[in-house]
Amino acid sequence: MPGYVNMDLFATPGVDVVADAETLPFPADLFQRVECDAVLEHVRCPETVLREIARVLAPGGYAHLVHALLSSVP
């Protein structure tokens, strides 16, 4: 899809860029919108991923973050 980059940790059909979300391979201020769906609960350091998202997000851009609701049941 034009104007859309799909990144994942593994090369699968539809993935444009294979990379670790803790070190995004993009220059700063590049994207107008970043979608991060069901990723943060799977990374070693969510804070690092959030900093990387903020870094590549253009001024005035939007980040849409989805995180699974996790709870512990005794």
N, C-alpha and C. Protein backbone atom coordinates (compact mmCIF):
# COMPACT_ATOMS: atom_id res chain seq x y z
N MET A 1 0.84 -1.17 0.00
CA MET A 1 0.00 0.00 0.00
C MET A 1 0.90 1.25 0.00
N PRO A 2 0.69 2.16 -0.91
CA PRO A 2 1.52 3.38 -0.96
C PRO A 2 1.40 4.20 0.33
N GLY A 3 2.51 4.70 0.80
CA GLY A 3 2.52 5.52 2.00
C GLY A 3 2.44 4.74 3.30
N TYR A 4 2.62 3.44 3.23
CA TYR A 4 2.48 2.58 4.40
C TYR A 4 3.68 1.65 4.47
N VAL A 5 4.29 1.55 5.64
CA VAL A 5 5.43 0.65 5.83
C VAL A 5 5.06 -0.33 6.93
N ASN A 6 5.10 -1.62 6.62
CA ASN A 6 4.81 -2.65 7.61
C ASN A 6 6.13 -3.23 8.10
N MET A 7 6.39 -3.08 9.39
CA MET A 7 7.64 -3.56 9.97
C MET A 7 7.33 -4.68 10.96
N ASP A 8 8.20 -5.69 10.99
CA ASP A 8 8.04 -6.79 11.93
C ASP A 8 9.43 -7.32 12.27
N LEU A 9 9.49 -8.12 13.31
CA LEU A 9 10.74 -8.75 13.72
C LEU A 9 11.13 -9.89 12.79
N PHE A 10 10.13 -10.43 12.07
CA PHE A 10 10.37 -11.57 11.18
C PHE A 10 9.88 -11.26 9.77
N ALA A 11 10.57 -11.82 8.79
CA ALA A 11 10.16 -11.66 7.40
C ALA A 11 9.00 -12.60 7.10
N THR A 12 7.84 -12.03 6.92
CA THR A 12 6.65 -12.79 6.53
C THR A 12 5.97 -12.03 5.41
N PRO A 13 5.05 -12.66 4.70
CA PRO A 13 4.37 -11.96 3.62
C PRO A 13 3.73 -10.65 4.11
N GLY A 14 3.95 -9.59 3.37
CA GLY A 14 3.40 -8.29 3.71
C GLY A 14 4.31 -7.42 4.55
N VAL A 15 5.42 -7.97 5.03
CA VAL A 15 6.37 -7.20 5.83
C VAL A 15 7.35 -6.50 4.89
N ASP A 16 7.47 -5.18 5.04
CA ASP A 16 8.37 -4.38 4.21
C ASP A 16 9.76 -4.25 4.82
N VAL A 17 9.81 -4.14 6.15
CA VAL A 17 11.07 -3.91 6.85
C VAL A 17 11.16 -4.89 8.02
N VAL A 18 12.27 -5.59 8.11
CA VAL A 18 12.52 -6.49 9.23
C VAL A 18 13.48 -5.78 10.17
N ALA A 19 13.01 -5.54 11.41
CA ALA A 19 13.83 -4.81 12.38
C ALA A 19 13.27 -5.01 13.77
N ASP A 20 14.07 -4.65 14.76
CA ASP A 20 13.68 -4.68 16.16
C ASP A 20 13.09 -3.33 16.51
N ALA A 21 11.94 -3.30 17.15
CA ALA A 21 11.26 -2.05 17.48
C ALA A 21 12.05 -1.19 18.46
N GLU A 22 13.02 -1.79 19.15
CA GLU A 22 13.84 -1.01 20.08
C GLU A 22 14.91 -0.19 19.36
N THR A 23 15.13 -0.47 18.08
CA THR A 23 16.09 0.28 17.28
C THR A 23 15.49 0.45 15.88
N LEU A 24 14.59 1.39 15.72
CA LEU A 24 13.91 1.58 14.43
C LEU A 24 14.90 2.08 13.38
N PRO A 25 14.89 1.48 12.18
CA PRO A 25 15.86 1.84 11.15
C PRO A 25 15.39 3.00 10.27
N PHE A 26 14.81 4.02 10.89
CA PHE A 26 14.28 5.16 10.15
C PHE A 26 14.84 6.45 10.73
N PRO A 27 14.95 7.48 9.89
CA PRO A 27 15.41 8.77 10.41
C PRO A 27 14.35 9.41 11.31
N ALA A 28 14.78 10.35 12.11
CA ALA A 28 13.87 11.07 13.00
C ALA A 28 12.86 11.89 12.19
N ASP A 29 11.70 12.10 12.78
CA ASP A 29 10.67 12.99 12.22
C ASP A 29 10.17 12.55 10.85
N LEU A 30 10.11 11.26 10.59
CA LEU A 30 9.75 10.76 9.25
C LEU A 30 8.26 10.53 9.06
N PHE A 31 7.59 9.95 10.04
CA PHE A 31 6.22 9.47 9.86
C PHE A 31 5.19 10.43 10.44
N GLN A 32 4.09 10.59 9.72
CA GLN A 32 2.95 11.37 10.20
C GLN A 32 2.09 10.56 11.17
N ARG A 33 2.14 9.25 11.04
CA ARG A 33 1.35 8.38 11.90
C ARG A 33 2.13 7.08 12.13
N VAL A 34 2.09 6.61 13.37
CA VAL A 34 2.69 5.33 13.73
C VAL A 34 1.62 4.48 14.40
N GLU A 35 1.45 3.28 13.90
CA GLU A 35 0.54 2.30 14.50
C GLU A 35 1.38 1.25 15.21
N CYS A 36 1.07 0.99 16.45
CA CYS A 36 1.79 -0.03 17.22
C CYS A 36 0.73 -0.88 17.90
N ASP A 37 0.44 -2.02 17.30
CA ASP A 37 -0.68 -2.85 17.75
C ASP A 37 -0.18 -4.18 18.30
N ALA A 38 -0.42 -4.41 19.58
CA ALA A 38 -0.05 -5.67 20.25
C ALA A 38 1.43 -5.97 20.15
N VAL A 39 2.25 -4.96 20.38
CA VAL A 39 3.71 -5.11 20.34
C VAL A 39 4.32 -4.87 21.72
N LEU A 40 3.89 -3.84 22.39
CA LEU A 40 4.55 -3.41 23.62
C LEU A 40 4.60 -4.48 24.70
N GLU A 41 3.61 -5.36 24.73
CA GLU A 41 3.62 -6.41 25.75
C GLU A 41 4.59 -7.54 25.43
N HIS A 42 5.24 -7.46 24.27
CA HIS A 42 6.16 -8.53 23.84
C HIS A 42 7.62 -8.10 23.78
N VAL A 43 7.92 -6.85 24.05
CA VAL A 43 9.30 -6.36 23.92
C VAL A 43 9.99 -6.35 25.28
N ARG A 44 11.32 -6.37 25.25
CA ARG A 44 12.11 -6.36 26.49
C ARG A 44 11.93 -5.05 27.25
N CYS A 45 11.92 -3.94 26.51
CA CYS A 45 11.88 -2.63 27.15
C CYS A 45 10.87 -1.73 26.44
N PRO A 46 9.63 -1.74 26.88
CA PRO A 46 8.61 -0.91 26.23
C PRO A 46 8.97 0.58 26.19
N GLU A 47 9.66 1.05 27.22
CA GLU A 47 10.04 2.46 27.26
C GLU A 47 10.95 2.82 26.10
N THR A 48 11.86 1.92 25.74
CA THR A 48 12.75 2.16 24.61
C THR A 48 11.96 2.21 23.31
N VAL A 49 11.00 1.32 23.15
CA VAL A 49 10.17 1.32 21.94
C VAL A 49 9.37 2.62 21.86
N LEU A 50 8.82 3.07 22.97
CA LEU A 50 8.07 4.32 22.97
C LEU A 50 8.96 5.51 22.61
N ARG A 51 10.19 5.52 23.10
CA ARG A 51 11.12 6.59 22.73
C ARG A 51 11.44 6.55 21.24
N GLU A 52 11.59 5.36 20.68
CA GLU A 52 11.86 5.22 19.25
C GLU A 52 10.66 5.69 18.42
N ILE A 53 9.46 5.36 18.86
CA ILE A 53 8.26 5.83 18.16
C ILE A 53 8.22 7.36 18.18
N ALA A 54 8.47 7.95 19.34
CA ALA A 54 8.48 9.41 19.44
C ALA A 54 9.55 10.01 18.54
N ARG A 55 10.68 9.35 18.42
CA ARG A 55 11.79 9.86 17.59
C ARG A 55 11.42 9.89 16.11
N VAL A 56 10.77 8.85 15.61
CA VAL A 56 10.48 8.78 14.18
C VAL A 56 9.18 9.48 13.81
N LEU A 57 8.42 9.90 14.79
CA LEU A 57 7.16 10.59 14.55
C LEU A 57 7.43 12.06 14.23
N ALA A 58 6.88 12.53 13.12
CA ALA A 58 7.06 13.93 12.71
C ALA A 58 6.33 14.85 13.70
N PRO A 59 6.80 16.08 13.83
CA PRO A 59 6.09 17.03 14.69
C PRO A 59 4.62 17.15 14.27
N GLY A 60 3.74 17.06 15.22
CA GLY A 60 2.32 17.11 14.94
C GLY A 60 1.72 15.79 14.50
N GLY A 61 2.56 14.74 14.43
CA GLY A 61 2.09 13.43 14.01
C GLY A 61 1.33 12.72 15.12
N TYR A 62 0.77 11.57 14.77
CA TYR A 62 -0.05 10.80 15.70
C TYR A 62 0.52 9.40 15.88
N ALA A 63 0.46 8.91 17.12
CA ALA A 63 0.81 7.54 17.42
C ALA A 63 -0.44 6.84 17.95
N HIS A 64 -0.77 5.71 17.38
CA HIS A 64 -1.90 4.90 17.84
C HIS A 64 -1.31 3.63 18.44
N LEU A 65 -1.40 3.51 19.76
CA LEU A 65 -0.78 2.41 20.48
C LEU A 65 -1.88 1.52 21.08
N VAL A 66 -1.76 0.22 20.83
CA VAL A 66 -2.70 -0.74 21.40
C VAL A 66 -1.90 -1.71 22.25
N HIS A 67 -2.32 -1.89 23.47
CA HIS A 67 -1.63 -2.78 24.40
C HIS A 67 -2.65 -3.73 25.00
N ALA A 68 -2.32 -4.98 25.05
CA ALA A 68 -3.23 -5.96 25.64
C ALA A 68 -3.41 -5.69 27.12
N LEU A 69 -4.62 -5.88 27.58
CA LEU A 69 -4.91 -5.74 28.99
C LEU A 69 -4.51 -7.04 29.67
N LEU A 70 -3.50 -6.94 30.51
CA LEU A 70 -2.99 -8.12 31.20
C LEU A 70 -3.29 -7.98 32.69
N SER A 71 -3.71 -9.04 33.28
CA SER A 71 -3.93 -9.02 34.72
C SER A 71 -3.51 -10.36 35.30
N SER A 72 -3.19 -10.34 36.56
CA SER A 72 -2.84 -11.60 37.23
C SER A 72 -3.99 -12.00 38.12
N VAL A 73 -4.30 -13.25 38.08
CA VAL A 73 -5.37 -13.79 38.91
C VAL A 73 -4.75 -14.75 39.92
N PRO A 74 -4.98 -14.50 41.21
CA PRO A 74 -4.36 -15.39 42.22
C PRO A 74 -4.91 -16.79 42.14
